[in-house]
Amino acid sequence: MFISIDEKASSWFTREFDLNKPFSIRMFPQYAGFGQKHKGYSLAFSVEHPANIGFTKEVNGITFYVEGNDVWFFEDTETYLSFDDFLDEIQVTFNEEIGSAIN
């Protein structure tokens, strides 16, 4: 599991949620949409305090985390959160981790 959040993406969260730092963003699978990685699931975000952290990463005063029971969604995956200047929106990209497809 690898999760990358660039600085422009972290700034988007500050604007979108209109919060003062520090704060926490939970990343979790939501049963909706087409889903790039898991059919029927998309990546969702909410402002919450962690309960059972499975992954955490701090970027510019924001703690991004995944709860332990949601780690399955990110396993064997590189997840990239970036900002799309043209759409003025967050962009999520999933890539299969190298070596995870080799058995």
Protein backbone atom coordinates (compact mmCIF):
# COMPACT_ATOMS: atom_id res chain seq x y z
CA MET A 1 0.00 0.00 0.00
CA PHE A 2 1.29 3.41 -1.02
CA ILE A 3 -0.62 6.70 -0.78
CA SER A 4 0.71 9.99 -2.16
CA ILE A 5 -0.97 13.35 -1.56
CA ASP A 6 0.56 16.35 -3.28
CA GLU A 7 0.57 19.86 -1.78
CA LYS A 8 -2.05 21.23 -4.18
CA ALA A 9 -4.37 18.36 -3.24
CA SER A 10 -3.92 19.08 0.47
CA SER A 11 -4.74 22.75 -0.19
CA TRP A 12 -7.95 21.62 -1.95
CA PHE A 13 -9.05 19.81 1.23
CA THR A 14 -8.44 22.96 3.30
CA ARG A 15 -10.61 25.02 0.92
CA GLU A 16 -13.27 22.36 0.35
CA PHE A 17 -13.87 21.56 4.02
CA ASP A 18 -13.24 25.16 5.16
CA LEU A 19 -11.38 24.12 8.30
CA ASN A 20 -8.42 25.45 10.22
CA LYS A 21 -5.42 23.15 10.50
CA PRO A 22 -4.76 20.75 12.06
CA PHE A 23 -7.57 18.39 11.10
CA SER A 24 -7.97 14.79 9.95
CA ILE A 25 -9.37 13.41 6.69
CA ARG A 26 -10.59 9.84 6.61
CA MET A 27 -10.18 8.10 3.25
CA PHE A 28 -12.57 5.19 2.78
CA PRO A 29 -14.32 3.05 0.16
CA GLN A 30 -17.87 4.09 -0.56
CA TYR A 31 -20.32 1.77 -2.24
CA ALA A 32 -21.19 3.98 -5.20
CA GLY A 33 -19.95 4.78 -8.64
CA PHE A 34 -18.02 2.74 -11.14
CA GLY A 35 -14.73 2.52 -9.27
CA GLN A 36 -11.32 2.22 -10.89
CA LYS A 37 -9.93 -0.33 -8.48
CA HIS A 38 -12.97 -2.18 -7.10
CA LYS A 39 -16.14 -2.24 -9.18
CA GLY A 40 -18.99 -0.50 -7.41
CA TYR A 41 -16.74 1.35 -4.95
CA SER A 42 -15.26 4.81 -5.12
CA LEU A 43 -12.89 6.64 -2.79
CA ALA A 44 -14.65 8.96 -0.35
CA PHE A 45 -13.42 11.49 2.20
CA SER A 46 -14.78 12.80 5.48
CA VAL A 47 -13.55 14.90 8.37
CA GLU A 48 -13.33 12.52 11.33
CA HIS A 49 -11.05 11.63 14.19
CA PRO A 50 -9.29 8.26 13.78
CA ALA A 51 -10.49 5.30 15.82
CA ASN A 52 -8.42 2.35 14.54
CA ILE A 53 -5.72 3.62 12.19
CA GLY A 54 -4.49 1.26 9.46
CA PHE A 55 -2.50 3.94 7.61
CA THR A 56 -1.68 7.59 8.25
CA LYS A 57 0.15 10.36 6.43
CA GLU A 58 0.52 14.02 7.40
CA VAL A 59 0.70 16.69 4.67
CA ASN A 60 0.75 20.42 5.48
CA GLY A 61 -1.05 20.09 8.81
CA ILE A 62 -3.66 17.62 7.59
CA THR A 63 -3.62 14.04 8.78
CA PHE A 64 -4.90 11.72 6.07
CA TYR A 65 -5.75 8.27 7.33
CA VAL A 66 -7.37 4.94 6.54
CA GLU A 67 -9.16 2.96 9.24
CA GLY A 68 -7.93 -0.59 9.77
CA ASN A 69 -11.12 -2.16 8.39
CA ASP A 70 -10.76 -0.14 5.13
CA VAL A 71 -7.16 -1.12 4.34
CA TRP A 72 -8.38 -3.85 1.90
CA PHE A 73 -9.38 -1.13 -0.57
CA PHE A 74 -5.79 0.16 -0.78
CA GLU A 75 -3.85 -3.14 -0.64
CA ASP A 76 -1.47 -3.86 -3.54
CA THR A 77 -2.18 -0.36 -4.84
CA GLU A 78 -0.43 2.96 -5.28
CA THR A 79 -3.01 5.69 -4.67
CA TYR A 80 -2.25 9.22 -5.83
CA LEU A 81 -4.25 12.28 -4.82
CA SER A 82 -3.44 15.29 -6.96
CA PHE A 83 -5.17 18.46 -8.08
CA ASP A 84 -6.50 18.95 -11.61
CA ASP A 85 -6.02 22.65 -12.44
CA PHE A 86 -8.32 22.46 -15.47
CA LEU A 87 -11.26 20.94 -13.56
CA ASP A 88 -10.38 22.77 -10.31
CA GLU A 89 -10.99 19.46 -8.55
CA ILE A 90 -9.22 16.67 -6.70
CA GLN A 91 -8.04 13.76 -8.86
CA VAL A 92 -7.52 10.20 -7.63
CA THR A 93 -5.36 7.75 -9.57
CA PHE A 94 -4.79 4.08 -8.72
CA ASN A 95 -1.85 2.01 -9.99
CA GLU A 96 -1.18 -1.61 -9.19
CA GLU A 97 1.98 -1.94 -7.10
CA ILE A 98 4.87 -3.54 -8.94
CA GLY A 99 5.40 -7.08 -7.73
CA SER A 100 1.88 -7.50 -6.36
CA ALA A 101 0.72 -9.20 -9.57
CA ILE A 102 3.59 -11.70 -9.47
CA ASN A 103 2.73 -14.86 -7.53
